[in-house]
């Protein structure tokens, strides 16, 4: 899933994720779609960082995202 925008000061920004990065794994969840990303997000807890694997150009990187402040409510 390609990152369209990173909010300044948000969890992705603090982890070093940049606009244009492609998220390929969120925690234990492989990400092939927005639905996969949402599953990974729902499994994240606010008390520990989650490893997120991204592709940036030809590089594959793993960053740690602090999910604090991420809403888990279903509307």
C-alpha atoms as a PDB file:
ATOM      1  CA  UNK A   1       0.000   0.000   0.000  1.00  0.00           C
ATOM      2  CA  UNK A   2       1.555   3.295  -1.098  1.00  0.00           C
ATOM      3  CA  UNK A   3       1.621   6.071   1.517  1.00  0.00           C
ATOM      4  CA  UNK A   4      -0.235   9.068   0.048  1.00  0.00           C
ATOM      5  CA  UNK A   5       0.459  11.514   2.875  1.00  0.00           C
ATOM      6  CA  UNK A   6       2.287  11.526   6.197  1.00  0.00           C
ATOM      7  CA  UNK A   7       0.862  13.748   8.920  1.00  0.00           C
ATOM      8  CA  UNK A   8       3.532  15.876  10.610  1.00  0.00           C
ATOM      9  CA  UNK A   9       4.074  14.674  14.173  1.00  0.00           C
ATOM     10  CA  UNK A  10       1.957  11.547  13.662  1.00  0.00           C
ATOM     11  CA  UNK A  11       3.061   7.953  14.312  1.00  0.00           C
ATOM     12  CA  UNK A  12       4.253   7.389  10.713  1.00  0.00           C
ATOM     13  CA  UNK A  13       6.214  10.648  10.674  1.00  0.00           C
ATOM     14  CA  UNK A  14       7.878   9.842  13.994  1.00  0.00           C
ATOM     15  CA  UNK A  15       8.875   6.406  12.640  1.00  0.00           C
ATOM     16  CA  UNK A  16      10.464   7.946   9.546  1.00  0.00           C
ATOM     17  CA  UNK A  17       7.867   6.816   6.998  1.00  0.00           C
ATOM     18  CA  UNK A  18       7.722   9.157   4.012  1.00  0.00           C
ATOM     19  CA  UNK A  19       5.108  10.013   1.401  1.00  0.00           C
ATOM     20  CA  UNK A  20       5.554   7.538  -1.473  1.00  0.00           C
ATOM     21  CA  UNK A  21       6.845   4.677   0.692  1.00  0.00           C
ATOM     22  CA  UNK A  22       5.062   1.368   0.135  1.00  0.00           C
ATOM     23  CA  UNK A  23       3.947  -0.521   3.249  1.00  0.00           C
ATOM     24  CA  UNK A  24       4.454  -4.255   2.663  1.00  0.00           C
ATOM     25  CA  UNK A  25       3.984  -5.579   6.219  1.00  0.00           C
ATOM     26  CA  UNK A  26       2.323  -4.115   9.316  1.00  0.00           C
ATOM     27  CA  UNK A  27       3.321  -6.139  12.361  1.00  0.00           C
ATOM     28  CA  UNK A  28       2.636  -9.784  11.480  1.00  0.00           C
ATOM     29  CA  UNK A  29       0.252  -8.875   8.638  1.00  0.00           C
ATOM     30  CA  UNK A  30       1.448  -8.839   4.999  1.00  0.00           C
ATOM     31  CA  UNK A  31      -0.056  -5.774   3.312  1.00  0.00           C
ATOM     32  CA  UNK A  32      -1.388  -6.136  -0.243  1.00  0.00           C
ATOM     33  CA  UNK A  33      -4.372  -3.795   0.117  1.00  0.00           C
ATOM     34  CA  UNK A  34      -5.935  -1.167   2.352  1.00  0.00           C
ATOM     35  CA  UNK A  35      -7.938  -3.968   3.997  1.00  0.00           C
ATOM     36  CA  UNK A  36      -4.717  -5.792   4.978  1.00  0.00           C
ATOM     37  CA  UNK A  37      -3.336  -2.527   6.380  1.00  0.00           C
ATOM     38  CA  UNK A  38      -6.497  -2.054   8.462  1.00  0.00           C
ATOM     39  CA  UNK A  39      -6.170  -5.602   9.862  1.00  0.00           C
ATOM     40  CA  UNK A  40      -2.579  -4.848  10.910  1.00  0.00           C
ATOM     41  CA  UNK A  41      -3.667  -1.547  12.418  1.00  0.00           C
ATOM     42  CA  UNK A  42      -6.470  -3.208  14.396  1.00  0.00           C
ATOM     43  CA  UNK A  43      -3.975  -5.709  15.827  1.00  0.00           C
ATOM     44  CA  UNK A  44      -1.658  -2.923  17.031  1.00  0.00           C
ATOM     45  CA  UNK A  45      -1.787  -1.960  20.679  1.00  0.00           C
ATOM     46  CA  UNK A  46      -0.924   1.413  22.163  1.00  0.00           C
ATOM     47  CA  UNK A  47       1.625   0.053  24.604  1.00  0.00           C
ATOM     48  CA  UNK A  48       4.335  -1.282  22.285  1.00  0.00           C
ATOM     49  CA  UNK A  49       5.939  -0.337  18.969  1.00  0.00           C
ATOM     50  CA  UNK A  50       4.936  -2.275  15.861  1.00  0.00           C
ATOM     51  CA  UNK A  51       7.478  -3.232  13.171  1.00  0.00           C
ATOM     52  CA  UNK A  52       6.377  -1.920   9.778  1.00  0.00           C
ATOM     53  CA  UNK A  53       8.222  -3.062   6.660  1.00  0.00           C
ATOM     54  CA  UNK A  54       8.341  -0.536   3.839  1.00  0.00           C
ATOM     55  CA  UNK A  55       9.826  -0.306   0.374  1.00  0.00           C
ATOM     56  CA  UNK A  56      11.492   2.975  -0.513  1.00  0.00           C
ATOM     57  CA  UNK A  57      12.740   2.840  -4.053  1.00  0.00           C
ATOM     58  CA  UNK A  58      14.844  -0.318  -4.299  1.00  0.00           C
ATOM     59  CA  UNK A  59      15.384  -0.555  -0.528  1.00  0.00           C
ATOM     60  CA  UNK A  60      13.311  -2.537   1.959  1.00  0.00           C
ATOM     61  CA  UNK A  61      13.355  -1.036   5.445  1.00  0.00           C
ATOM     62  CA  UNK A  62      11.786  -1.928   8.777  1.00  0.00           C
ATOM     63  CA  UNK A  63      10.744   0.944  11.026  1.00  0.00           C
ATOM     64  CA  UNK A  64       9.111   0.824  14.444  1.00  0.00           C
ATOM     65  CA  UNK A  65       5.776   2.645  14.683  1.00  0.00           C
ATOM     66  CA  UNK A  66       4.410   3.712  18.064  1.00  0.00           C
ATOM     67  CA  UNK A  67       0.653   3.224  17.615  1.00  0.00           C
ATOM     68  CA  UNK A  68      -0.176   5.631  20.471  1.00  0.00           C
ATOM     69  CA  UNK A  69      -3.055   7.838  19.462  1.00  0.00           C
ATOM     70  CA  UNK A  70      -4.255   5.544  16.679  1.00  0.00           C
ATOM     71  CA  UNK A  71      -8.020   5.170  16.826  1.00  0.00           C
ATOM     72  CA  UNK A  72      -9.340   1.608  16.801  1.00  0.00           C
ATOM     73  CA  UNK A  73     -13.029   2.544  16.777  1.00  0.00           C
ATOM     74  CA  UNK A  74     -15.255   1.068  14.127  1.00  0.00           C
ATOM     75  CA  UNK A  75     -17.801   3.392  12.541  1.00  0.00           C
END
